């Protein structure tokens, strides 16, 4: 994974390199609502990307289901509601 600067993103040469199949075949942008948010900082962007990569790879620790008291059972979704 390659991340650009918070203010300018990746340089054109890096974007061109990333579009080739040999180096991954494309780029991905994190969708954002334009209202009230100027930008995501780099550390938050890395966290979003790593979580999504782990989710897509079915990382076993993301499947952990804690033993909750009966009154809390419905508070946490058991399936991927965003997938």
N, C-alpha and C. Protein backbone atom coordinates (compact mmCIF):
# COMPACT_ATOMS: atom_id res chain seq x y z
N UNK A 1 0.84 -1.17 0.00
CA UNK A 1 0.00 0.00 0.00
C UNK A 1 0.89 1.23 0.00
N UNK A 2 0.51 2.20 -0.81
CA UNK A 2 1.25 3.46 -0.90
C UNK A 2 0.28 4.59 -0.60
N UNK A 3 0.68 5.49 0.27
CA UNK A 3 -0.17 6.62 0.65
C UNK A 3 0.50 7.92 0.28
N UNK A 4 -0.28 8.89 -0.17
CA UNK A 4 0.24 10.20 -0.53
C UNK A 4 0.20 11.15 0.66
N UNK A 5 0.69 12.35 0.42
CA UNK A 5 0.69 13.34 1.50
C UNK A 5 -0.74 13.78 1.80
N UNK A 6 -0.95 14.32 2.99
CA UNK A 6 -2.28 14.74 3.40
C UNK A 6 -2.81 15.89 2.56
N UNK A 7 -1.94 16.72 2.05
CA UNK A 7 -2.40 17.91 1.34
C UNK A 7 -2.40 17.76 -0.18
N UNK A 8 -1.52 16.92 -0.72
CA UNK A 8 -1.39 16.84 -2.18
C UNK A 8 -1.64 15.47 -2.77
N UNK A 9 -1.75 14.44 -1.94
CA UNK A 9 -1.92 13.09 -2.47
C UNK A 9 -0.62 12.57 -3.07
N UNK A 10 -0.75 11.64 -4.01
CA UNK A 10 0.43 11.08 -4.67
C UNK A 10 0.83 11.94 -5.86
N UNK A 11 2.13 12.03 -6.15
CA UNK A 11 2.56 12.74 -7.35
C UNK A 11 2.09 12.00 -8.62
N UNK A 12 1.97 12.72 -9.70
CA UNK A 12 1.50 12.13 -10.97
C UNK A 12 2.33 10.91 -11.38
N UNK A 13 3.64 10.96 -11.19
CA UNK A 13 4.48 9.83 -11.58
C UNK A 13 4.14 8.57 -10.78
N UNK A 14 3.84 8.73 -9.50
CA UNK A 14 3.45 7.59 -8.67
C UNK A 14 2.09 7.06 -9.09
N UNK A 15 1.15 7.95 -9.40
CA UNK A 15 -0.17 7.51 -9.86
C UNK A 15 -0.05 6.73 -11.16
N UNK A 16 0.83 7.18 -12.04
CA UNK A 16 1.03 6.48 -13.32
C UNK A 16 1.64 5.10 -13.07
N UNK A 17 2.62 5.02 -12.18
CA UNK A 17 3.23 3.73 -11.85
C UNK A 17 2.21 2.77 -11.24
N UNK A 18 1.35 3.28 -10.37
CA UNK A 18 0.35 2.44 -9.70
C UNK A 18 -0.72 1.93 -10.65
N UNK A 19 -0.92 2.60 -11.78
CA UNK A 19 -1.97 2.16 -12.70
C UNK A 19 -1.55 0.96 -13.53
N UNK A 20 -0.25 0.62 -13.55
CA UNK A 20 0.23 -0.54 -14.28
C UNK A 20 -0.03 -1.83 -13.53
N UNK A 21 -0.31 -2.89 -14.25
CA UNK A 21 -0.62 -4.19 -13.64
C UNK A 21 0.54 -4.73 -12.80
N UNK A 22 1.77 -4.43 -13.18
CA UNK A 22 2.93 -4.95 -12.46
C UNK A 22 3.00 -4.44 -11.02
N UNK A 23 2.46 -3.25 -10.77
CA UNK A 23 2.54 -2.66 -9.43
C UNK A 23 1.17 -2.55 -8.77
N UNK A 24 0.27 -3.43 -9.08
CA UNK A 24 -1.01 -3.46 -8.38
C UNK A 24 -2.22 -3.20 -9.23
N UNK A 25 -2.07 -2.46 -10.29
CA UNK A 25 -3.18 -2.29 -11.21
C UNK A 25 -4.18 -1.21 -10.90
N UNK A 26 -3.92 -0.31 -9.99
CA UNK A 26 -4.88 0.76 -9.79
C UNK A 26 -4.72 1.48 -8.47
N UNK A 27 -5.57 2.47 -8.31
CA UNK A 27 -5.58 3.25 -7.07
C UNK A 27 -6.98 3.20 -6.48
N UNK A 28 -7.07 3.47 -5.21
CA UNK A 28 -8.34 3.51 -4.51
C UNK A 28 -8.39 4.80 -3.71
N UNK A 29 -9.53 5.45 -3.75
CA UNK A 29 -9.73 6.64 -2.93
C UNK A 29 -10.70 6.30 -1.82
N UNK A 30 -10.51 6.91 -0.66
CA UNK A 30 -11.44 6.74 0.45
C UNK A 30 -12.56 7.75 0.24
N UNK A 31 -13.80 7.28 0.09
CA UNK A 31 -14.90 8.22 -0.13
C UNK A 31 -15.16 9.06 1.11
N UNK A 32 -15.43 10.34 0.91
CA UNK A 32 -15.69 11.25 2.02
C UNK A 32 -16.86 12.15 1.68
N UNK A 33 -17.62 12.50 2.68
CA UNK A 33 -18.66 13.50 2.52
C UNK A 33 -17.98 14.86 2.56
N UNK A 34 -18.27 15.71 1.61
CA UNK A 34 -17.55 16.99 1.53
C UNK A 34 -17.98 18.00 2.58
N UNK A 35 -19.10 17.78 3.22
CA UNK A 35 -19.60 18.71 4.22
C UNK A 35 -18.83 18.54 5.53
N UNK A 36 -18.31 19.60 6.06
CA UNK A 36 -17.67 19.67 7.39
C UNK A 36 -16.35 18.93 7.53
N UNK A 37 -15.87 18.22 6.53
CA UNK A 37 -14.62 17.49 6.66
C UNK A 37 -13.63 18.00 5.63
N UNK A 38 -12.49 18.50 6.09
CA UNK A 38 -11.49 19.00 5.17
C UNK A 38 -10.68 17.86 4.59
N UNK A 39 -10.18 16.97 5.45
CA UNK A 39 -9.40 15.83 4.98
C UNK A 39 -9.24 14.82 6.11
N UNK A 40 -8.87 13.61 5.74
CA UNK A 40 -8.48 12.62 6.73
C UNK A 40 -6.97 12.70 6.89
N UNK A 41 -6.46 12.63 8.12
CA UNK A 41 -5.01 12.64 8.23
C UNK A 41 -4.46 11.27 7.81
N UNK A 42 -3.18 11.23 7.61
CA UNK A 42 -2.55 10.03 7.07
C UNK A 42 -2.74 8.81 7.97
N UNK A 43 -2.62 8.99 9.27
CA UNK A 43 -2.75 7.83 10.16
C UNK A 43 -4.16 7.25 10.12
N UNK A 44 -5.18 8.09 10.03
CA UNK A 44 -6.55 7.59 9.93
C UNK A 44 -6.75 6.87 8.59
N UNK A 45 -6.20 7.42 7.52
CA UNK A 45 -6.31 6.79 6.20
C UNK A 45 -5.64 5.42 6.19
N UNK A 46 -4.48 5.30 6.81
CA UNK A 46 -3.80 4.01 6.89
C UNK A 46 -4.64 3.02 7.69
N UNK A 47 -5.23 3.47 8.79
CA UNK A 47 -6.08 2.59 9.58
C UNK A 47 -7.29 2.10 8.80
N UNK A 48 -7.93 2.99 8.04
CA UNK A 48 -9.08 2.60 7.22
C UNK A 48 -8.66 1.55 6.20
N UNK A 49 -7.55 1.79 5.52
CA UNK A 49 -7.08 0.87 4.47
C UNK A 49 -6.68 -0.48 5.05
N UNK A 50 -5.97 -0.49 6.15
CA UNK A 50 -5.55 -1.75 6.75
C UNK A 50 -6.74 -2.55 7.28
N UNK A 51 -7.71 -1.87 7.88
CA UNK A 51 -8.90 -2.58 8.35
C UNK A 51 -9.64 -3.21 7.17
N UNK A 52 -9.82 -2.45 6.09
CA UNK A 52 -10.54 -2.98 4.93
C UNK A 52 -9.78 -4.15 4.30
N UNK A 53 -8.45 -4.05 4.23
CA UNK A 53 -7.66 -5.16 3.69
C UNK A 53 -7.82 -6.40 4.57
N UNK A 54 -7.76 -6.22 5.88
CA UNK A 54 -7.93 -7.35 6.80
C UNK A 54 -9.32 -7.95 6.67
N UNK A 55 -10.34 -7.10 6.54
CA UNK A 55 -11.71 -7.59 6.39
C UNK A 55 -11.86 -8.43 5.12
N UNK A 56 -11.29 -7.94 4.02
CA UNK A 56 -11.40 -8.67 2.76
C UNK A 56 -10.64 -9.99 2.78
N UNK A 57 -9.59 -10.06 3.59
CA UNK A 57 -8.81 -11.29 3.70
C UNK A 57 -9.35 -12.21 4.80
N UNK A 58 -10.49 -11.86 5.39
CA UNK A 58 -11.11 -12.63 6.47
C UNK A 58 -10.15 -12.88 7.63
N UNK A 59 -9.46 -11.84 8.05
CA UNK A 59 -8.53 -11.92 9.17
C UNK A 59 -9.27 -12.47 10.39
N UNK A 60 -8.78 -13.56 10.95
CA UNK A 60 -9.53 -14.30 11.96
C UNK A 60 -9.86 -13.48 13.20
N UNK A 61 -9.03 -12.53 13.59
CA UNK A 61 -9.33 -11.76 14.79
C UNK A 61 -10.50 -10.80 14.58
N UNK A 62 -10.85 -10.50 13.32
CA UNK A 62 -12.02 -9.68 13.06
C UNK A 62 -13.31 -10.48 13.22
N UNK A 63 -13.21 -11.79 13.28
CA UNK A 63 -14.37 -12.65 13.41
C UNK A 63 -14.72 -12.93 14.87
N UNK A 64 -13.92 -12.41 15.79
CA UNK A 64 -14.11 -12.67 17.22
C UNK A 64 -15.49 -12.20 17.67
N UNK A 65 -16.23 -13.07 18.32
CA UNK A 65 -17.54 -12.76 18.87
C UNK A 65 -17.47 -12.95 20.39
N UNK A 66 -17.44 -11.86 21.14
CA UNK A 66 -17.33 -11.99 22.60
C UNK A 66 -18.61 -12.57 23.21
N UNK A 67 -18.45 -13.20 24.37
CA UNK A 67 -19.61 -13.68 25.12
C UNK A 67 -20.21 -12.48 25.85
N UNK A 68 -21.40 -12.06 25.41
CA UNK A 68 -22.04 -10.89 25.98
C UNK A 68 -23.21 -11.31 26.86
N UNK A 69 -23.52 -10.49 27.86
CA UNK A 69 -24.73 -10.77 28.64
C UNK A 69 -25.96 -10.74 27.73
N UNK A 70 -27.01 -11.43 28.08
CA UNK A 70 -28.19 -11.55 27.24
C UNK A 70 -28.77 -10.18 26.86
N UNK A 71 -28.77 -9.23 27.79
CA UNK A 71 -29.34 -7.91 27.50
C UNK A 71 -28.52 -7.11 26.47
N UNK A 72 -27.27 -7.51 26.23
CA UNK A 72 -26.42 -6.81 25.27
C UNK A 72 -26.33 -7.52 23.92
N UNK A 73 -26.95 -8.67 23.77
CA UNK A 73 -26.83 -9.48 22.56
C UNK A 73 -27.22 -8.72 21.29
N UNK A 74 -28.26 -7.93 21.31
CA UNK A 74 -28.73 -7.24 20.11
C UNK A 74 -28.03 -5.94 19.81
N UNK A 75 -27.10 -5.52 20.66
CA UNK A 75 -26.45 -4.22 20.48
C UNK A 75 -25.35 -4.22 19.42
N UNK A 76 -24.79 -5.38 19.13
CA UNK A 76 -23.66 -5.45 18.21
C UNK A 76 -24.03 -6.35 17.03
N UNK A 77 -23.91 -5.85 15.77
CA UNK A 77 -24.25 -6.70 14.62
C UNK A 77 -23.31 -7.89 14.52
N UNK A 78 -23.85 -9.03 14.17
CA UNK A 78 -23.05 -10.26 14.06
C UNK A 78 -22.59 -10.51 12.64
N UNK A 79 -23.11 -9.76 11.67
CA UNK A 79 -22.68 -9.95 10.28
C UNK A 79 -22.16 -8.64 9.72
N UNK A 80 -21.48 -8.72 8.59
CA UNK A 80 -20.93 -7.54 7.94
C UNK A 80 -22.07 -6.79 7.24
N UNK A 81 -22.54 -5.72 7.85
CA UNK A 81 -23.67 -4.99 7.28
C UNK A 81 -23.23 -4.04 6.17
N UNK A 82 -21.93 -3.86 5.98
CA UNK A 82 -21.43 -2.94 4.96
C UNK A 82 -20.90 -3.68 3.72
N UNK A 83 -20.78 -5.00 3.78
CA UNK A 83 -20.18 -5.76 2.70
C UNK A 83 -21.01 -5.87 1.47
